[in-house]
C-alpha atoms as a PDB file:
ATOM      1  CA  MET A   1      -0.099   0.202  -0.209  1.00  0.00           C
ATOM      2  CA  ASP A   2       1.254   3.649  -0.976  1.00  0.00           C
ATOM      3  CA  LEU A   3       1.263   6.671   1.141  1.00  0.00           C
ATOM      4  CA  SER A   4      -1.005   8.075  -1.158  1.00  0.00           C
ATOM      5  CA  SER A   5      -3.674   5.465  -0.128  1.00  0.00           C
ATOM      6  CA  MET A   6      -3.014   5.575   3.615  1.00  0.00           C
ATOM      7  CA  ILE A   7      -3.216   9.493   3.999  1.00  0.00           C
ATOM      8  CA  MET A   8      -6.528   9.221   1.799  1.00  0.00           C
ATOM      9  CA  GLY A   9      -8.225   6.386   3.799  1.00  0.00           C
ATOM     10  CA  ALA A  10      -6.855   8.183   6.959  1.00  0.00           C
ATOM     11  CA  ALA A  11      -8.759  11.616   5.236  1.00  0.00           C
ATOM     12  CA  ILE A  12     -12.353   9.174   4.853  1.00  0.00           C
ATOM     13  CA  ALA A  13     -12.136   7.702   7.710  1.00  0.00           C
ATOM     14  CA  SER A  14     -11.694  11.268   9.721  1.00  0.00           C
ATOM     15  CA  VAL A  15     -14.426  12.853   7.716  1.00  0.00           C
ATOM     16  CA  ALA A  16     -16.591   9.548   9.092  1.00  0.00           C
ATOM     17  CA  TRP A  17     -15.562  10.295  12.529  1.00  0.00           C
ATOM     18  CA  ILE A  18     -16.406  13.461  12.564  1.00  0.00           C
ATOM     19  CA  ALA A  19     -19.913  13.161  10.501  1.00  0.00           C
ATOM     20  CA  VAL A  20     -20.721  10.280  13.157  1.00  0.00           C
ATOM     21  CA  TYR A  21     -19.724  10.777  16.850  1.00  0.00           C
ATOM     22  CA  PRO A  22     -21.750  14.097  17.378  1.00  0.00           C
ATOM     23  CA  TRP A  23     -24.694  11.970  16.435  1.00  0.00           C
ATOM     24  CA  ALA A  24     -23.771   9.224  18.915  1.00  0.00           C
ATOM     25  CA  LYS A  25     -23.027  11.895  21.927  1.00  0.00           C
ATOM     26  CA  LEU A  26     -26.413  13.144  21.178  1.00  0.00           C
ATOM     27  CA  LYS A  27     -28.028  10.180  20.938  1.00  0.00           C
ATOM     28  CA  ARG A  28     -26.577   9.054  25.211  1.00  0.00           C
ATOM     29  CA  LEU A  29     -27.444  12.269  25.866  1.00  0.00           C
ATOM     30  CA  ASN A  30     -31.223  12.596  25.300  1.00  0.00           C
ATOM     31  CA  ALA A  31     -31.515   8.837  27.155  1.00  0.00           C
ATOM     32  CA  LEU A  32     -29.047  10.175  30.089  1.00  0.00           C
ATOM     33  CA  GLU A  33     -31.837  13.125  30.193  1.00  0.00           C
ATOM     34  CA  ALA A  34     -34.604  10.582  29.665  1.00  0.00           C
ATOM     35  CA  SER A  35     -33.715   8.560  32.579  1.00  0.00           C
ATOM     36  CA  GLU A  36     -33.246  11.985  35.263  1.00  0.00           C
ATOM     37  CA  LYS A  37     -36.653  12.878  34.276  1.00  0.00           C
ATOM     38  CA  ARG A  38     -38.421  12.716  38.025  1.00  0.00           C
ATOM     39  CA  PRO A  39     -42.055  12.896  38.269  1.00  0.00           C
ATOM     40  CA  ASP A  40     -41.814  15.719  41.002  1.00  0.00           C
ATOM     41  CA  ARG A  41     -40.458  18.242  38.730  1.00  0.00           C
ATOM     42  CA  PRO A  42     -42.633  19.254  35.949  1.00  0.00           C
ATOM     43  CA  ASP A  43     -41.536  19.947  32.744  1.00  0.00           C
ATOM     44  CA  ASP A  44     -41.985  22.683  30.519  1.00  0.00           C
ATOM     45  CA  SER A  45     -45.225  21.528  28.663  1.00  0.00           C
ATOM     46  CA  ASP A  46     -46.820  21.889  32.321  1.00  0.00           C
ATOM     47  CA  THR A  47     -45.730  26.020  32.240  1.00  0.00           C
ATOM     48  CA  VAL A  48     -47.030  26.822  28.890  1.00  0.00           C
ATOM     49  CA  GLY A  49     -50.075  28.644  29.912  1.00  0.00           C
ATOM     50  CA  ALA A  50     -48.938  30.354  32.786  1.00  0.00           C
END
């Protein structure tokens, strides 16, 4: 394998990492926030008309 192929592979891998990683973190954050919701704490939908 020549150097240009390795550079191209690294470039493709880094672009894929930049494109996919934030969505994975966002999905994990949404799951964490959903598990933290407690029934004693009202959500924003209860205070819309107040």
